[in-house]
Amino acid sequence: MKVIAMGRVEYKVEQVHWKDEPETRLAQLVEILNGFAQEGWRVVSVDLMAHAEFGTKALPVLLEREVKL
């Protein structure tokens, strides 16, 4: 994870991992993304393209939140 602050907004990229249960994959993703929201993060994008560096059970998610001054 890398956090970058730009102006009044900070960004970070998280790798979202899930259990190998295809029937619950969407519910797992929603739970994880809601966890980020509870921490004050907004989802900017979810990259659904396959990337060798992230593996088959991980998605890179770009998050942002306002910096508290």
N, C-alpha and C. Protein backbone atom coordinates (compact mmCIF):
# COMPACT_ATOMS: atom_id res chain seq x y z
N MET A 1 0.84 -1.17 0.00
CA MET A 1 0.00 0.00 0.00
C MET A 1 0.89 1.24 0.00
N LYS A 2 0.51 2.22 -0.80
CA LYS A 2 1.23 3.48 -0.86
C LYS A 2 0.21 4.60 -0.78
N VAL A 3 0.39 5.52 0.14
CA VAL A 3 -0.53 6.64 0.31
C VAL A 3 0.15 7.90 -0.21
N ILE A 4 -0.54 8.61 -1.08
CA ILE A 4 -0.02 9.85 -1.66
C ILE A 4 -1.03 10.95 -1.38
N ALA A 5 -0.57 12.08 -0.86
CA ALA A 5 -1.46 13.22 -0.60
C ALA A 5 -1.27 14.26 -1.70
N MET A 6 -2.36 14.66 -2.32
CA MET A 6 -2.33 15.68 -3.37
C MET A 6 -3.34 16.75 -2.98
N GLY A 7 -2.85 17.91 -2.58
CA GLY A 7 -3.77 18.96 -2.16
C GLY A 7 -4.50 18.52 -0.91
N ARG A 8 -5.81 18.44 -0.99
CA ARG A 8 -6.60 18.07 0.16
C ARG A 8 -7.15 16.64 0.05
N VAL A 9 -6.64 15.86 -0.88
CA VAL A 9 -7.10 14.49 -1.09
C VAL A 9 -5.88 13.57 -1.08
N GLU A 10 -6.02 12.43 -0.42
CA GLU A 10 -4.95 11.42 -0.46
C GLU A 10 -5.47 10.18 -1.18
N TYR A 11 -4.56 9.48 -1.82
CA TYR A 11 -4.90 8.31 -2.61
C TYR A 11 -4.07 7.12 -2.14
N LYS A 12 -4.63 5.93 -2.31
CA LYS A 12 -3.85 4.72 -2.08
C LYS A 12 -4.41 3.60 -2.95
N VAL A 13 -3.56 2.64 -3.26
CA VAL A 13 -3.96 1.46 -4.02
C VAL A 13 -3.90 0.27 -3.08
N GLU A 14 -4.99 -0.45 -2.99
CA GLU A 14 -5.06 -1.66 -2.16
C GLU A 14 -5.28 -2.87 -3.07
N GLN A 15 -4.75 -3.99 -2.67
CA GLN A 15 -5.04 -5.25 -3.35
C GLN A 15 -6.15 -5.94 -2.58
N VAL A 16 -7.27 -6.16 -3.27
CA VAL A 16 -8.41 -6.83 -2.65
C VAL A 16 -8.30 -8.32 -2.95
N HIS A 17 -8.30 -9.13 -1.90
CA HIS A 17 -8.22 -10.59 -2.04
C HIS A 17 -9.53 -11.21 -1.55
N TRP A 18 -9.90 -12.34 -2.12
CA TRP A 18 -11.10 -13.03 -1.67
C TRP A 18 -10.85 -14.52 -1.57
N LYS A 19 -11.75 -15.19 -0.87
CA LYS A 19 -11.67 -16.63 -0.72
C LYS A 19 -12.07 -17.30 -2.03
N ASP A 20 -11.65 -18.52 -2.22
CA ASP A 20 -11.95 -19.25 -3.44
C ASP A 20 -13.35 -19.85 -3.38
N GLU A 21 -14.35 -18.97 -3.33
CA GLU A 21 -15.76 -19.37 -3.29
C GLU A 21 -16.50 -18.55 -4.32
N PRO A 22 -16.55 -19.00 -5.58
CA PRO A 22 -17.14 -18.19 -6.65
C PRO A 22 -18.56 -17.70 -6.37
N GLU A 23 -19.34 -18.48 -5.67
CA GLU A 23 -20.74 -18.08 -5.43
C GLU A 23 -20.85 -16.92 -4.44
N THR A 24 -19.81 -16.65 -3.66
CA THR A 24 -19.87 -15.54 -2.69
C THR A 24 -18.89 -14.41 -3.04
N ARG A 25 -18.28 -14.49 -4.20
CA ARG A 25 -17.23 -13.51 -4.57
C ARG A 25 -17.76 -12.07 -4.55
N LEU A 26 -18.94 -11.84 -5.12
CA LEU A 26 -19.50 -10.48 -5.15
C LEU A 26 -19.79 -9.99 -3.74
N ALA A 27 -20.36 -10.83 -2.90
CA ALA A 27 -20.65 -10.44 -1.51
C ALA A 27 -19.36 -10.12 -0.76
N GLN A 28 -18.30 -10.90 -1.01
CA GLN A 28 -17.02 -10.64 -0.37
C GLN A 28 -16.47 -9.29 -0.80
N LEU A 29 -16.56 -8.99 -2.11
CA LEU A 29 -16.06 -7.72 -2.63
C LEU A 29 -16.83 -6.55 -2.02
N VAL A 30 -18.15 -6.67 -1.93
CA VAL A 30 -18.97 -5.61 -1.33
C VAL A 30 -18.57 -5.40 0.12
N GLU A 31 -18.36 -6.46 0.86
CA GLU A 31 -17.96 -6.34 2.27
C GLU A 31 -16.62 -5.63 2.42
N ILE A 32 -15.67 -5.97 1.57
CA ILE A 32 -14.34 -5.35 1.62
C ILE A 32 -14.42 -3.87 1.28
N LEU A 33 -15.16 -3.54 0.20
CA LEU A 33 -15.27 -2.14 -0.21
C LEU A 33 -16.03 -1.32 0.83
N ASN A 34 -17.03 -1.90 1.46
CA ASN A 34 -17.73 -1.21 2.54
C ASN A 34 -16.81 -0.96 3.73
N GLY A 35 -15.87 -1.88 3.97
CA GLY A 35 -14.88 -1.67 5.03
C GLY A 35 -14.01 -0.46 4.77
N PHE A 36 -13.62 -0.26 3.50
CA PHE A 36 -12.86 0.94 3.15
C PHE A 36 -13.70 2.19 3.41
N ALA A 37 -14.98 2.13 3.07
CA ALA A 37 -15.87 3.28 3.29
C ALA A 37 -15.99 3.62 4.77
N GLN A 38 -16.03 2.62 5.61
CA GLN A 38 -16.11 2.85 7.06
C GLN A 38 -14.86 3.56 7.58
N GLU A 39 -13.74 3.38 6.88
CA GLU A 39 -12.49 4.05 7.25
C GLU A 39 -12.37 5.43 6.60
N GLY A 40 -13.41 5.85 5.86
CA GLY A 40 -13.40 7.16 5.24
C GLY A 40 -12.90 7.20 3.81
N TRP A 41 -12.63 6.05 3.21
CA TRP A 41 -12.14 5.99 1.83
C TRP A 41 -13.28 5.85 0.84
N ARG A 42 -13.12 6.47 -0.34
CA ARG A 42 -14.05 6.29 -1.47
C ARG A 42 -13.33 5.48 -2.54
N VAL A 43 -14.07 4.61 -3.20
CA VAL A 43 -13.51 3.83 -4.30
C VAL A 43 -13.52 4.69 -5.55
N VAL A 44 -12.33 4.90 -6.12
CA VAL A 44 -12.19 5.65 -7.36
C VAL A 44 -12.32 4.70 -8.54
N SER A 45 -11.64 3.55 -8.46
CA SER A 45 -11.73 2.57 -9.53
C SER A 45 -11.32 1.19 -9.03
N VAL A 46 -11.86 0.20 -9.71
CA VAL A 46 -11.49 -1.20 -9.49
C VAL A 46 -11.02 -1.71 -10.84
N ASP A 47 -9.78 -2.17 -10.90
CA ASP A 47 -9.21 -2.64 -12.16
C ASP A 47 -9.54 -4.12 -12.33
N LEU A 48 -10.40 -4.42 -13.30
CA LEU A 48 -10.83 -5.80 -13.53
C LEU A 48 -9.95 -6.54 -14.53
N MET A 49 -8.93 -5.87 -15.05
CA MET A 49 -8.00 -6.51 -15.98
C MET A 49 -7.10 -7.46 -15.21
N ALA A 50 -6.72 -8.54 -15.85
CA ALA A 50 -5.81 -9.51 -15.23
C ALA A 50 -4.39 -8.94 -15.22
N HIS A 51 -3.74 -8.98 -14.05
CA HIS A 51 -2.37 -8.52 -13.91
C HIS A 51 -1.57 -9.62 -13.23
N ALA A 52 -0.49 -10.04 -13.84
CA ALA A 52 0.32 -11.12 -13.29
C ALA A 52 0.84 -10.79 -11.89
N GLU A 53 1.17 -9.52 -11.65
CA GLU A 53 1.75 -9.15 -10.35
C GLU A 53 0.73 -9.21 -9.21
N PHE A 54 -0.56 -9.21 -9.51
CA PHE A 54 -1.58 -9.28 -8.47
C PHE A 54 -2.13 -10.68 -8.27
N GLY A 55 -1.89 -11.58 -9.19
CA GLY A 55 -2.41 -12.94 -9.06
C GLY A 55 -3.86 -13.02 -9.50
N THR A 56 -4.39 -14.24 -9.47
CA THR A 56 -5.74 -14.46 -9.98
C THR A 56 -6.82 -14.16 -8.95
N LYS A 57 -6.47 -14.03 -7.70
CA LYS A 57 -7.45 -13.80 -6.64
C LYS A 57 -7.28 -12.43 -6.00
N ALA A 58 -6.84 -11.45 -6.78
CA ALA A 58 -6.64 -10.11 -6.24
C ALA A 58 -7.00 -9.08 -7.30
N LEU A 59 -7.59 -7.98 -6.85
CA LEU A 59 -7.91 -6.85 -7.72
C LEU A 59 -7.28 -5.59 -7.13
N PRO A 60 -6.63 -4.78 -7.96
CA PRO A 60 -6.15 -3.50 -7.47
C PRO A 60 -7.31 -2.50 -7.40
N VAL A 61 -7.43 -1.81 -6.27
CA VAL A 61 -8.51 -0.85 -6.05
C VAL A 61 -7.87 0.50 -5.70
N LEU A 62 -8.24 1.55 -6.44
CA LEU A 62 -7.74 2.90 -6.15
C LEU A 62 -8.75 3.58 -5.24
N LEU A 63 -8.24 4.08 -4.10
CA LEU A 63 -9.08 4.73 -3.08
C LEU A 63 -8.64 6.16 -2.88
N GLU A 64 -9.59 7.01 -2.45
CA GLU A 64 -9.26 8.40 -2.11
C GLU A 64 -10.06 8.82 -0.88
N ARG A 65 -9.51 9.81 -0.17
CA ARG A 65 -10.25 10.42 0.94
C ARG A 65 -9.71 11.82 1.15
N GLU A 66 -10.56 12.66 1.73
CA GLU A 66 -10.15 14.02 2.02
C GLU A 66 -9.17 14.03 3.19
N VAL A 67 -8.17 14.87 3.09
CA VAL A 67 -7.17 15.01 4.15
C VAL A 67 -7.74 15.93 5.21
N LYS A 68 -7.71 15.49 6.44
CA LYS A 68 -8.17 16.31 7.57
C LYS A 68 -7.06 17.26 7.97
N LEU A 69 -7.34 18.54 7.96
CA LEU A 69 -6.32 19.53 8.33
C LEU A 69 -6.49 19.96 9.76
